[in-house]
Amino acid sequence: MPLSKERVLGAAVALADAQGVEGLSMRKLAQELGVVPMALYKHVANKDELLDAMVDVVVGEIDPPAGGTDWKTAMRRRVLSARGALLRHPWTSRVMESRASPTPAVLAYMDSMIGMFRAGGFSIDLTHHAMHAMGSRLLGFSQELFDETADVGPGMDAETLRELAGAFPHITELVVAITHDQASVVGVGCDDQFEFEFALDLMLDGLERLRDRA
């Protein structure tokens, strides 16, 4: 099969999915494709251009705006579609945050989201505030305050918890609450998808109230 940009990008995305973007190099990509590294440079100028193009491949997996529905439902569906794409390719958010400027596909996506707010009756001023408020959530990810992969809660012994409680009583209360019997309590615990949708719905409901008040 002849080498093409689509084939190069498909292999690069698959390699990043399997090994993480840190493990991606032009040499490894060439080995995966069975070509010499120089052959790649006919399709991408350098690794930075490769990463930008990979982001655009992932953004291309996001569903287009849903027709025949209200703005809030359409916005929610599209954001969750973006989240699905980024969950399939978990390296993407880090690459997006590392780029000096948005890629063409990200710009087109954000432009369409602004258009959805405007078509939903939002003023340009409120649309501006909404885009800032939702931030990275519009692209399907969020920057969390706590690292939920850290060893907290069940991994702590009683003495460590007592020491933590003395210095940080409210954090301790929260940690104990969210890690206690998670399996038997619906909606409790650090379920990433639940927390993402919870915050998304809060934002969309609040924005709707602001729009109606205006």
N, C-alpha and C. Protein backbone atom coordinates (compact mmCIF):
# COMPACT_ATOMS: atom_id res chain seq x y z
N MET A 1 0.85 -1.19 0.00
CA MET A 1 0.00 0.00 0.00
C MET A 1 0.89 1.25 0.00
N PRO A 2 0.66 2.17 -0.94
CA PRO A 2 1.50 3.36 -0.99
C PRO A 2 1.31 4.23 0.25
N LEU A 3 2.38 4.92 0.61
CA LEU A 3 2.32 5.78 1.79
C LEU A 3 1.53 7.04 1.45
N SER A 4 0.63 7.43 2.35
CA SER A 4 -0.16 8.65 2.18
C SER A 4 -0.24 9.36 3.52
N LYS A 5 -0.65 10.60 3.50
CA LYS A 5 -0.76 11.35 4.75
C LYS A 5 -1.79 10.69 5.67
N GLU A 6 -2.89 10.22 5.10
CA GLU A 6 -3.92 9.56 5.90
C GLU A 6 -3.37 8.30 6.58
N ARG A 7 -2.56 7.55 5.85
CA ARG A 7 -1.98 6.34 6.43
C ARG A 7 -0.97 6.69 7.52
N VAL A 8 -0.18 7.72 7.29
CA VAL A 8 0.79 8.17 8.30
C VAL A 8 0.07 8.59 9.57
N LEU A 9 -0.98 9.40 9.43
CA LEU A 9 -1.71 9.89 10.60
C LEU A 9 -2.44 8.77 11.33
N GLY A 10 -3.01 7.85 10.57
CA GLY A 10 -3.69 6.72 11.20
C GLY A 10 -2.75 5.89 12.04
N ALA A 11 -1.55 5.65 11.51
CA ALA A 11 -0.56 4.87 12.26
C ALA A 11 -0.06 5.66 13.47
N ALA A 12 0.11 6.97 13.32
CA ALA A 12 0.59 7.80 14.43
C ALA A 12 -0.43 7.82 15.57
N VAL A 13 -1.70 7.96 15.24
CA VAL A 13 -2.76 7.96 16.27
C VAL A 13 -2.80 6.61 16.97
N ALA A 14 -2.72 5.53 16.20
CA ALA A 14 -2.75 4.19 16.80
C ALA A 14 -1.54 3.96 17.71
N LEU A 15 -0.39 4.46 17.30
CA LEU A 15 0.82 4.31 18.11
C LEU A 15 0.70 5.11 19.42
N ALA A 16 0.17 6.33 19.33
CA ALA A 16 -0.02 7.14 20.53
C ALA A 16 -1.06 6.51 21.45
N ASP A 17 -2.11 5.92 20.88
CA ASP A 17 -3.13 5.23 21.68
C ASP A 17 -2.51 4.08 22.45
N ALA A 18 -1.63 3.35 21.80
CA ALA A 18 -1.05 2.14 22.40
C ALA A 18 0.07 2.44 23.38
N GLN A 19 0.90 3.44 23.08
CA GLN A 19 2.12 3.66 23.86
C GLN A 19 2.18 5.03 24.53
N GLY A 20 1.18 5.87 24.28
CA GLY A 20 1.23 7.23 24.80
C GLY A 20 2.00 8.12 23.85
N VAL A 21 1.67 9.40 23.87
CA VAL A 21 2.31 10.31 22.92
C VAL A 21 3.79 10.46 23.24
N GLU A 22 4.19 10.20 24.49
CA GLU A 22 5.60 10.30 24.85
C GLU A 22 6.43 9.26 24.09
N GLY A 23 5.80 8.13 23.76
CA GLY A 23 6.51 7.07 23.06
C GLY A 23 6.51 7.23 21.55
N LEU A 24 5.90 8.30 21.06
CA LEU A 24 5.82 8.51 19.61
C LEU A 24 7.05 9.27 19.11
N SER A 25 7.69 8.73 18.12
CA SER A 25 8.80 9.41 17.46
C SER A 25 8.70 9.13 15.97
N MET A 26 9.36 9.97 15.18
CA MET A 26 9.33 9.76 13.74
C MET A 26 9.97 8.42 13.37
N ARG A 27 11.00 8.04 14.13
CA ARG A 27 11.66 6.77 13.85
C ARG A 27 10.73 5.58 14.15
N LYS A 28 10.06 5.63 15.31
CA LYS A 28 9.14 4.54 15.65
C LYS A 28 7.98 4.47 14.66
N LEU A 29 7.50 5.64 14.26
CA LEU A 29 6.39 5.67 13.30
C LEU A 29 6.82 5.08 11.96
N ALA A 30 8.03 5.40 11.53
CA ALA A 30 8.53 4.84 10.28
C ALA A 30 8.65 3.32 10.37
N GLN A 31 9.14 2.82 11.52
CA GLN A 31 9.24 1.38 11.71
C GLN A 31 7.86 0.73 11.65
N GLU A 32 6.87 1.38 12.26
CA GLU A 32 5.51 0.85 12.26
C GLU A 32 4.96 0.74 10.84
N LEU A 33 5.34 1.70 10.00
CA LEU A 33 4.83 1.74 8.62
C LEU A 33 5.71 0.97 7.65
N GLY A 34 6.87 0.52 8.14
CA GLY A 34 7.79 -0.23 7.28
C GLY A 34 8.47 0.62 6.24
N VAL A 35 8.77 1.87 6.62
CA VAL A 35 9.44 2.77 5.68
C VAL A 35 10.64 3.39 6.39
N VAL A 36 11.48 4.10 5.63
CA VAL A 36 12.58 4.83 6.23
C VAL A 36 12.02 6.15 6.77
N PRO A 37 12.61 6.70 7.84
CA PRO A 37 12.08 7.94 8.42
C PRO A 37 11.93 9.08 7.41
N MET A 38 12.86 9.19 6.46
CA MET A 38 12.79 10.29 5.49
C MET A 38 11.51 10.26 4.67
N ALA A 39 10.94 9.07 4.51
CA ALA A 39 9.70 8.98 3.72
C ALA A 39 8.55 9.73 4.37
N LEU A 40 8.59 9.84 5.70
CA LEU A 40 7.52 10.54 6.41
C LEU A 40 7.49 12.02 6.11
N TYR A 41 8.66 12.59 5.83
CA TYR A 41 8.76 14.05 5.66
C TYR A 41 8.18 14.54 4.35
N LYS A 42 7.75 13.63 3.50
CA LYS A 42 6.99 14.02 2.31
C LYS A 42 5.56 14.38 2.68
N HIS A 43 5.13 13.94 3.88
CA HIS A 43 3.73 14.12 4.29
C HIS A 43 3.57 15.03 5.50
N VAL A 44 4.57 15.07 6.38
CA VAL A 44 4.56 16.00 7.52
C VAL A 44 5.96 16.58 7.65
N ALA A 45 6.02 17.89 7.91
CA ALA A 45 7.32 18.56 7.91
C ALA A 45 8.17 18.19 9.11
N ASN A 46 7.52 17.94 10.25
CA ASN A 46 8.25 17.64 11.48
C ASN A 46 7.26 17.07 12.50
N LYS A 47 7.76 16.78 13.69
CA LYS A 47 6.89 16.17 14.70
C LYS A 47 5.80 17.13 15.16
N ASP A 48 6.09 18.42 15.24
CA ASP A 48 5.06 19.37 15.63
C ASP A 48 3.89 19.36 14.66
N GLU A 49 4.19 19.34 13.38
CA GLU A 49 3.13 19.28 12.38
C GLU A 49 2.38 17.95 12.48
N LEU A 50 3.10 16.89 12.77
CA LEU A 50 2.47 15.58 12.95
C LEU A 50 1.47 15.62 14.12
N LEU A 51 1.88 16.19 15.26
CA LEU A 51 1.00 16.25 16.43
C LEU A 51 -0.24 17.09 16.14
N ASP A 52 -0.05 18.22 15.46
CA ASP A 52 -1.20 19.05 15.10
C ASP A 52 -2.19 18.27 14.23
N ALA A 53 -1.66 17.56 13.26
CA ALA A 53 -2.52 16.79 12.35
C ALA A 53 -3.22 15.65 13.09
N MET A 54 -2.53 15.04 14.07
CA MET A 54 -3.15 13.98 14.86
C MET A 54 -4.33 14.53 15.68
N VAL A 55 -4.16 15.72 16.25
CA VAL A 55 -5.26 16.35 16.98
C VAL A 55 -6.45 16.55 16.04
N ASP A 56 -6.18 17.00 14.83
CA ASP A 56 -7.27 17.22 13.89
C ASP A 56 -7.98 15.92 13.51
N VAL A 57 -7.24 14.81 13.46
CA VAL A 57 -7.87 13.51 13.21
C VAL A 57 -8.86 13.18 14.32
N VAL A 58 -8.47 13.39 15.57
CA VAL A 58 -9.34 13.09 16.70
C VAL A 58 -10.55 14.02 16.71
N VAL A 59 -10.32 15.31 16.49
CA VAL A 59 -11.44 16.26 16.47
C VAL A 59 -12.41 15.90 15.35
N GLY A 60 -11.89 15.33 14.28
CA GLY A 60 -12.76 14.90 13.18
C GLY A 60 -13.71 13.76 13.55
N GLU A 61 -13.44 13.10 14.68
CA GLU A 61 -14.34 12.03 15.14
C GLU A 61 -15.55 12.56 15.91
N ILE A 62 -15.53 13.85 16.26
CA ILE A 62 -16.64 14.44 17.03
C ILE A 62 -17.85 14.59 16.13
N ASP A 63 -19.01 14.19 16.63
CA ASP A 63 -20.25 14.29 15.86
C ASP A 63 -20.56 15.74 15.50
N PRO A 64 -21.11 15.98 14.32
CA PRO A 64 -21.54 17.35 13.96
C PRO A 64 -22.73 17.76 14.83
N PRO A 65 -23.05 19.05 14.85
CA PRO A 65 -24.19 19.50 15.67
C PRO A 65 -25.48 18.77 15.28
N ALA A 66 -26.23 18.36 16.31
CA ALA A 66 -27.50 17.65 16.07
C ALA A 66 -28.56 18.64 15.62
N GLY A 67 -29.29 18.28 14.58
CA GLY A 67 -30.37 19.13 14.10
C GLY A 67 -31.70 18.76 14.75
N GLY A 68 -32.66 19.68 14.66
CA GLY A 68 -34.01 19.40 15.13
C GLY A 68 -34.14 19.28 16.62
N THR A 69 -33.29 19.96 17.39
CA THR A 69 -33.39 19.90 18.84
C THR A 69 -33.01 21.25 19.41
N ASP A 70 -33.26 21.44 20.71
CA ASP A 70 -32.94 22.72 21.35
C ASP A 70 -31.44 22.86 21.53
N TRP A 71 -31.00 24.10 21.75
CA TRP A 71 -29.55 24.38 21.83
C TRP A 71 -28.88 23.60 22.94
N LYS A 72 -29.55 23.47 24.10
CA LYS A 72 -28.91 22.84 25.25
C LYS A 72 -28.70 21.35 25.02
N THR A 73 -29.70 20.68 24.46
CA THR A 73 -29.56 19.26 24.15
C THR A 73 -28.47 19.04 23.10
N ALA A 74 -28.48 19.90 22.06
CA ALA A 74 -27.49 19.78 21.00
C ALA A 74 -26.08 20.02 21.55
N MET A 75 -25.94 21.04 22.41
CA MET A 75 -24.64 21.35 23.00
C MET A 75 -24.16 20.19 23.87
N ARG A 76 -25.05 19.66 24.68
CA ARG A 76 -24.69 18.56 25.59
C ARG A 76 -24.23 17.34 24.79
N ARG A 77 -24.98 17.00 23.76
CA ARG A 77 -24.62 15.83 22.95
C ARG A 77 -23.26 16.02 22.30
N ARG A 78 -23.00 17.23 21.81
CA ARG A 78 -21.75 17.44 21.10
C ARG A 78 -20.56 17.42 22.05
N VAL A 79 -20.72 18.02 23.22
CA VAL A 79 -19.64 17.99 24.20
C VAL A 79 -19.35 16.55 24.63
N LEU A 80 -20.41 15.76 24.84
CA LEU A 80 -20.19 14.37 25.24
C LEU A 80 -19.59 13.55 24.10
N SER A 81 -19.90 13.91 22.86
CA SER A 81 -19.25 13.25 21.73
C SER A 81 -17.76 13.60 21.71
N ALA A 82 -17.44 14.86 22.02
CA ALA A 82 -16.03 15.26 22.11
C ALA A 82 -15.33 14.49 23.22
N ARG A 83 -16.03 14.33 24.34
CA ARG A 83 -15.44 13.57 25.45
C ARG A 83 -15.19 12.12 25.04
N GLY A 84 -16.12 11.54 24.31
CA GLY A 84 -15.93 10.17 23.84
C GLY A 84 -14.69 10.04 22.96
N ALA A 85 -14.48 11.01 22.08
CA ALA A 85 -13.30 10.99 21.21
C ALA A 85 -12.02 11.09 22.02
N LEU A 86 -12.02 11.97 23.03
CA LEU A 86 -10.81 12.13 23.84
C LEU A 86 -10.58 10.96 24.79
N LEU A 87 -11.63 10.27 25.19
CA LEU A 87 -11.45 9.07 26.00
C LEU A 87 -10.87 7.93 25.16
N ARG A 88 -11.23 7.90 23.89
CA ARG A 88 -10.65 6.89 22.99
C ARG A 88 -9.18 7.18 22.71
N HIS A 89 -8.82 8.45 22.78
CA HIS A 89 -7.44 8.88 22.50
C HIS A 89 -6.98 9.78 23.65
N PRO A 90 -6.67 9.20 24.80
CA PRO A 90 -6.45 10.00 26.02
C PRO A 90 -5.24 10.92 25.99
N TRP A 91 -4.37 10.79 25.03
CA TRP A 91 -3.21 11.67 24.90
C TRP A 91 -3.59 13.02 24.32
N THR A 92 -4.76 13.12 23.71
CA THR A 92 -5.11 14.31 22.91
C THR A 92 -5.17 15.59 23.73
N SER A 93 -5.76 15.52 24.93
CA SER A 93 -5.91 16.74 25.72
C SER A 93 -4.55 17.33 26.07
N ARG A 94 -3.58 16.47 26.40
CA ARG A 94 -2.25 16.97 26.74
C ARG A 94 -1.59 17.64 25.54
N VAL A 95 -1.78 17.04 24.36
CA VAL A 95 -1.20 17.64 23.15
C VAL A 95 -1.87 18.97 22.86
N MET A 96 -3.20 19.04 23.00
CA MET A 96 -3.91 20.30 22.77
C MET A 96 -3.37 21.41 23.67
N GLU A 97 -3.18 21.07 24.94
CA GLU A 97 -2.72 22.07 25.90
C GLU A 97 -1.28 22.50 25.63
N SER A 98 -0.51 21.66 24.95
CA SER A 98 0.91 21.97 24.70
C SER A 98 1.12 22.81 23.45
N ARG A 99 0.09 22.95 22.60
CA ARG A 99 0.27 23.65 21.34
C ARG A 99 0.24 25.16 21.55
N ALA A 100 1.02 25.88 20.78
CA ALA A 100 1.08 27.34 20.90
C ALA A 100 -0.20 27.99 20.42
N SER A 101 -0.87 27.37 19.47
CA SER A 101 -2.13 27.91 18.96
C SER A 101 -3.02 26.74 18.54
N PRO A 102 -4.35 26.94 18.52
CA PRO A 102 -5.26 25.85 18.15
C PRO A 102 -5.06 25.42 16.70
N THR A 103 -5.32 24.15 16.44
CA THR A 103 -5.22 23.63 15.09
C THR A 103 -6.45 24.07 14.29
N PRO A 104 -6.40 23.97 12.95
CA PRO A 104 -7.56 24.35 12.15
C PRO A 104 -8.85 23.63 12.54
N ALA A 105 -8.76 22.34 12.82
CA ALA A 105 -9.97 21.59 13.19
C ALA A 105 -10.52 22.04 14.54
N VAL A 106 -9.64 22.35 15.49
CA VAL A 106 -10.10 22.85 16.79
C VAL A 106 -10.75 24.21 16.62
N LEU A 107 -10.16 25.08 15.80
CA LEU A 107 -10.76 26.39 15.55
C LEU A 107 -12.15 26.25 14.92
N ALA A 108 -12.27 25.34 13.96
CA ALA A 108 -13.56 25.12 13.31
C ALA A 108 -14.59 24.60 14.31
N TYR A 109 -14.16 23.70 15.19
CA TYR A 109 -15.05 23.15 16.21
C TYR A 109 -15.51 24.26 17.16
N MET A 110 -14.58 25.08 17.65
CA MET A 110 -14.94 26.15 18.57
C MET A 110 -15.84 27.17 17.89
N ASP A 111 -15.57 27.46 16.61
CA ASP A 111 -16.42 28.39 15.86
C ASP A 111 -17.85 27.87 15.79
N SER A 112 -17.99 26.56 15.57
CA SER A 112 -19.34 25.99 15.48
C SER A 112 -20.04 26.01 16.83
N MET A 113 -19.28 25.86 17.93
CA MET A 113 -19.89 25.92 19.27
C MET A 113 -20.38 27.33 19.57
N ILE A 114 -19.60 28.34 19.18
CA ILE A 114 -20.06 29.72 19.32
C ILE A 114 -21.34 29.91 18.53
N GLY A 115 -21.37 29.35 17.32
CA GLY A 115 -22.57 29.44 16.49
C GLY A 115 -23.77 28.80 17.14
N MET A 116 -23.58 27.70 17.87
CA MET A 116 -24.69 27.03 18.55
C MET A 116 -25.25 27.92 19.66
N PHE A 117 -24.37 28.59 20.40
CA PHE A 117 -24.84 29.53 21.43
C PHE A 117 -25.63 30.67 20.78
N ARG A 118 -25.09 31.22 19.71
CA ARG A 118 -25.76 32.35 19.06
C ARG A 118 -27.12 31.94 18.49
N ALA A 119 -27.17 30.76 17.86
CA ALA A 119 -28.45 30.27 17.33
C ALA A 119 -29.43 29.96 18.45
N GLY A 120 -28.92 29.69 19.66
CA GLY A 120 -29.79 29.42 20.80
C GLY A 120 -30.30 30.67 21.50
N GLY A 121 -30.00 31.84 20.95
CA GLY A 121 -30.52 33.07 21.50
C GLY A 121 -29.60 33.79 22.46
N PHE A 122 -28.34 33.40 22.54
CA PHE A 122 -27.38 34.05 23.42
C PHE A 122 -26.81 35.31 22.75
N SER A 123 -26.69 36.38 23.52
CA SER A 123 -26.02 37.58 23.01
C SER A 123 -24.54 37.26 22.81
N ILE A 124 -23.87 38.09 22.03
CA ILE A 124 -22.44 37.85 21.81
C ILE A 124 -21.67 38.02 23.12
N ASP A 125 -22.12 38.92 23.99
CA ASP A 125 -21.45 39.11 25.28
C ASP A 125 -21.61 37.87 26.16
N LEU A 126 -22.82 37.34 26.26
CA LEU A 126 -23.05 36.15 27.08
C LEU A 126 -22.36 34.93 26.46
N THR A 127 -22.32 34.87 25.14
CA THR A 127 -21.60 33.78 24.48
C THR A 127 -20.12 33.82 24.84
N HIS A 128 -19.55 35.01 24.87
CA HIS A 128 -18.15 35.18 25.26
C HIS A 128 -17.91 34.65 26.67
N HIS A 129 -18.79 35.02 27.61
CA HIS A 129 -18.65 34.54 28.99
C HIS A 129 -18.85 33.02 29.06
N ALA A 130 -19.80 32.51 28.29
CA ALA A 130 -20.08 31.06 28.30
C ALA A 130 -18.87 30.27 27.82
N MET A 131 -18.21 30.75 26.77
CA MET A 131 -17.03 30.05 26.25
C MET A 131 -15.91 30.02 27.29
N HIS A 132 -15.74 31.14 28.02
CA HIS A 132 -14.73 31.17 29.07
C HIS A 132 -15.12 30.23 30.22
N ALA A 133 -16.40 30.26 30.61
CA ALA A 133 -16.84 29.46 31.76
C ALA A 133 -16.69 27.97 31.49
N MET A 134 -17.02 27.55 30.28
CA MET A 134 -16.97 26.13 29.97
C MET A 134 -15.56 25.66 29.64
N GLY A 135 -14.74 26.56 29.12
CA GLY A 135 -13.32 26.27 28.92
C GLY A 135 -13.06 24.95 28.21
N SER A 136 -12.15 24.17 28.77
CA SER A 136 -11.75 22.91 28.14
C SER A 136 -12.89 21.89 28.13
N ARG A 137 -13.91 22.10 28.97
CA ARG A 137 -15.05 21.18 28.98
C ARG A 137 -15.74 21.13 27.62
N LEU A 138 -15.69 22.23 26.88
CA LEU A 138 -16.26 22.24 25.54
C LEU A 138 -15.60 21.21 24.64
N LEU A 139 -14.35 20.88 24.92
CA LEU A 139 -13.62 19.91 24.12
C LEU A 139 -13.62 18.52 24.75
N GLY A 140 -14.41 18.35 25.82
CA GLY A 140 -14.60 17.00 26.36
C GLY A 140 -13.69 16.61 27.49
N PHE A 141 -12.92 17.57 28.03
CA PHE A 141 -12.10 17.23 29.20
C PHE A 141 -12.12 18.41 30.15
N SER A 142 -11.63 18.20 31.34
CA SER A 142 -11.59 19.27 32.34
C SER A 142 -10.33 19.13 33.17
N GLN A 143 -9.85 20.26 33.65
CA GLN A 143 -8.69 20.26 34.53
C GLN A 143 -9.18 20.16 35.96
N GLU A 144 -8.91 19.03 36.59
CA GLU A 144 -9.45 18.77 37.92
C GLU A 144 -8.52 19.29 39.01
N LEU A 145 -9.13 19.67 40.13
CA LEU A 145 -8.37 20.18 41.25
C LEU A 145 -7.56 19.08 41.92
N PHE A 146 -8.16 17.88 42.04
CA PHE A 146 -7.50 16.77 42.72
C PHE A 146 -7.12 15.69 41.72
N ASP A 147 -5.99 15.06 41.95
CA ASP A 147 -5.57 13.91 41.16
C ASP A 147 -6.23 12.68 41.78
N GLU A 148 -7.28 12.18 41.10
CA GLU A 148 -8.04 11.08 41.68
C GLU A 148 -7.32 9.74 41.55
N THR A 149 -6.18 9.72 40.86
CA THR A 149 -5.40 8.48 40.77
C THR A 149 -4.43 8.36 41.92
N ALA A 150 -4.33 9.43 42.73
CA ALA A 150 -3.39 9.39 43.85
C ALA A 150 -3.87 8.41 44.91
N ASP A 151 -2.93 7.95 45.73
CA ASP A 151 -3.26 6.98 46.78
C ASP A 151 -3.85 7.70 47.99
N VAL A 152 -5.17 7.86 47.97
CA VAL A 152 -5.86 8.50 49.09
C VAL A 152 -7.00 7.59 49.51
N GLY A 153 -7.51 7.83 50.70
CA GLY A 153 -8.68 7.09 51.16
C GLY A 153 -8.34 5.68 51.59
N PRO A 154 -8.80 4.67 50.82
CA PRO A 154 -8.64 3.28 51.24
C PRO A 154 -7.20 2.88 51.50
N GLY A 155 -6.23 3.51 50.78
CA GLY A 155 -4.84 3.14 50.96
C GLY A 155 -4.20 3.73 52.20
N MET A 156 -4.92 4.62 52.89
CA MET A 156 -4.36 5.25 54.08
C MET A 156 -4.71 4.46 55.32
N ASP A 157 -3.77 4.38 56.25
CA ASP A 157 -4.08 3.73 57.52
C ASP A 157 -4.71 4.75 58.46
N ALA A 158 -5.22 4.27 59.60
CA ALA A 158 -5.96 5.12 60.53
C ALA A 158 -5.10 6.27 61.05
N GLU A 159 -3.82 5.99 61.32
CA GLU A 159 -2.95 7.04 61.86
C GLU A 159 -2.74 8.17 60.86
N THR A 160 -2.55 7.80 59.56
CA THR A 160 -2.36 8.81 58.52
C THR A 160 -3.61 9.67 58.39
N LEU A 161 -4.77 9.02 58.44
CA LEU A 161 -6.02 9.77 58.35
C LEU A 161 -6.19 10.73 59.52
N ARG A 162 -5.81 10.29 60.73
CA ARG A 162 -5.92 11.17 61.90
C ARG A 162 -5.01 12.39 61.76
N GLU A 163 -3.78 12.16 61.25
CA GLU A 163 -2.86 13.28 61.04
C GLU A 163 -3.40 14.25 59.99
N LEU A 164 -3.96 13.69 58.94
CA LEU A 164 -4.54 14.52 57.88
C LEU A 164 -5.72 15.31 58.41
N ALA A 165 -6.54 14.66 59.24
CA ALA A 165 -7.73 15.32 59.78
C ALA A 165 -7.37 16.50 60.66
N GLY A 166 -6.26 16.39 61.40
CA GLY A 166 -5.86 17.47 62.28
C GLY A 166 -5.47 18.73 61.51
N ALA A 167 -4.80 18.54 60.38
CA ALA A 167 -4.34 19.68 59.60
C ALA A 167 -5.35 20.15 58.56
N PHE A 168 -6.06 19.17 57.96
CA PHE A 168 -6.98 19.49 56.86
C PHE A 168 -8.31 18.77 57.08
N PRO A 169 -9.10 19.22 58.05
CA PRO A 169 -10.32 18.48 58.41
C PRO A 169 -11.34 18.36 57.29
N HIS A 170 -11.48 19.40 56.47
CA HIS A 170 -12.52 19.36 55.44
C HIS A 170 -12.11 18.46 54.27
N ILE A 171 -10.82 18.49 53.91
CA ILE A 171 -10.34 17.57 52.86
C ILE A 171 -10.51 16.13 53.34
N THR A 172 -10.18 15.88 54.60
CA THR A 172 -10.32 14.52 55.14
C THR A 172 -11.76 14.06 55.10
N GLU A 173 -12.67 14.94 55.50
CA GLU A 173 -14.09 14.59 55.47
C GLU A 173 -14.53 14.21 54.07
N LEU A 174 -14.08 14.99 53.06
CA LEU A 174 -14.45 14.72 51.68
C LEU A 174 -13.85 13.41 51.20
N VAL A 175 -12.57 13.19 51.48
CA VAL A 175 -11.91 11.95 51.05
C VAL A 175 -12.60 10.73 51.63
N VAL A 176 -12.91 10.78 52.93
CA VAL A 176 -13.58 9.65 53.58
C VAL A 176 -14.94 9.43 52.97
N ALA A 177 -15.68 10.51 52.71
CA ALA A 177 -17.04 10.39 52.17
C ALA A 177 -17.04 9.75 50.79
N ILE A 178 -16.12 10.18 49.92
CA ILE A 178 -16.18 9.69 48.54
C ILE A 178 -15.56 8.31 48.38
N THR A 179 -14.83 7.84 49.38
CA THR A 179 -14.21 6.51 49.26
C THR A 179 -14.90 5.47 50.13
N HIS A 180 -15.91 5.86 50.88
CA HIS A 180 -16.58 4.91 51.78
C HIS A 180 -17.67 4.16 51.02
N ASP A 181 -17.50 2.86 50.90
CA ASP A 181 -18.51 1.99 50.31
C ASP A 181 -19.01 2.51 48.98
N GLN A 182 -18.09 2.85 48.07
CA GLN A 182 -18.47 3.44 46.80
C GLN A 182 -19.39 2.54 45.99
N ALA A 183 -19.15 1.27 46.07
CA ALA A 183 -19.91 0.35 45.21
C ALA A 183 -21.39 0.34 45.52
N SER A 184 -21.78 0.68 46.73
CA SER A 184 -23.19 0.57 47.10
C SER A 184 -23.93 1.89 47.06
N VAL A 185 -23.25 2.99 46.72
CA VAL A 185 -23.90 4.29 46.74
C VAL A 185 -23.88 4.86 45.33
N VAL A 186 -25.06 5.02 44.73
CA VAL A 186 -25.16 5.52 43.37
C VAL A 186 -24.78 7.00 43.34
N GLY A 187 -23.92 7.37 42.40
CA GLY A 187 -23.56 8.77 42.24
C GLY A 187 -22.52 9.26 43.21
N VAL A 188 -22.00 8.38 44.06
CA VAL A 188 -20.99 8.80 45.02
C VAL A 188 -19.65 8.20 44.59
N GLY A 189 -18.59 8.93 44.84
CA GLY A 189 -17.27 8.46 44.44
C GLY A 189 -16.77 9.21 43.23
N CYS A 190 -15.54 9.00 42.89
CA CYS A 190 -14.91 9.76 41.80
C CYS A 190 -15.12 9.04 40.46
N ASP A 191 -16.35 9.05 40.00
CA ASP A 191 -16.68 8.53 38.69
C ASP A 191 -16.48 9.68 37.70
N ASP A 192 -15.43 9.60 36.90
CA ASP A 192 -15.08 10.72 36.02
C ASP A 192 -16.23 11.15 35.12
N GLN A 193 -16.93 10.16 34.54
CA GLN A 193 -18.02 10.50 33.62
C GLN A 193 -19.16 11.18 34.36
N PHE A 194 -19.52 10.68 35.55
CA PHE A 194 -20.58 11.29 36.35
C PHE A 194 -20.20 12.73 36.70
N GLU A 195 -18.97 12.94 37.17
CA GLU A 195 -18.55 14.28 37.59
C GLU A 195 -18.52 15.23 36.40
N PHE A 196 -18.08 14.74 35.24
CA PHE A 196 -18.05 15.59 34.05
C PHE A 196 -19.45 16.03 33.67
N GLU A 197 -20.39 15.08 33.60
CA GLU A 197 -21.76 15.41 33.21
C GLU A 197 -22.45 16.27 34.26
N PHE A 198 -22.15 16.04 35.53
CA PHE A 198 -22.73 16.85 36.61
C PHE A 198 -22.36 18.32 36.43
N ALA A 199 -21.08 18.59 36.20
CA ALA A 199 -20.63 19.97 36.02
C ALA A 199 -21.13 20.56 34.71
N LEU A 200 -21.16 19.73 33.66
CA LEU A 200 -21.67 20.20 32.37
C LEU A 200 -23.12 20.64 32.48
N ASP A 201 -23.94 19.82 33.14
CA ASP A 201 -25.36 20.17 33.28
C ASP A 201 -25.55 21.42 34.14
N LEU A 202 -24.75 21.56 35.18
CA LEU A 202 -24.82 22.78 36.00
C LEU A 202 -24.54 24.02 35.15
N MET A 203 -23.50 23.94 34.34
CA MET A 203 -23.14 25.08 33.51
C MET A 203 -24.22 25.39 32.48
N LEU A 204 -24.72 24.37 31.80
CA LEU A 204 -25.74 24.61 30.77
C LEU A 204 -27.02 25.15 31.38
N ASP A 205 -27.44 24.63 32.53
CA ASP A 205 -28.65 25.14 33.20
C ASP A 205 -28.46 26.59 33.62
N GLY A 206 -27.27 26.90 34.17
CA GLY A 206 -27.00 28.27 34.59
C GLY A 206 -26.95 29.23 33.42
N LEU A 207 -26.35 28.81 32.32
CA LEU A 207 -26.29 29.66 31.14
C LEU A 207 -27.68 29.90 30.57
N GLU A 208 -28.52 28.88 30.61
CA GLU A 208 -29.89 29.04 30.12
C GLU A 208 -30.65 30.07 30.95
N ARG A 209 -30.46 30.04 32.28
CA ARG A 209 -31.13 31.02 33.14
C ARG A 209 -30.63 32.44 32.84
N LEU A 210 -29.32 32.59 32.62
CA LEU A 210 -28.78 33.90 32.28
C LEU A 210 -29.34 34.40 30.95
N ARG A 211 -29.44 33.52 29.99
CA ARG A 211 -29.99 33.91 28.70
C ARG A 211 -31.44 34.37 28.85
N ASP A 212 -32.24 33.60 29.62
CA ASP A 212 -33.66 33.96 29.78
C ASP A 212 -33.81 35.26 30.57
N ARG A 213 -32.93 35.49 31.53
CA ARG A 213 -32.99 36.72 32.33
C ARG A 213 -32.69 37.93 31.45
N ALA A 214 -31.75 37.74 30.50
CA ALA A 214 -31.39 38.85 29.61
C ALA A 214 -32.52 39.17 28.64
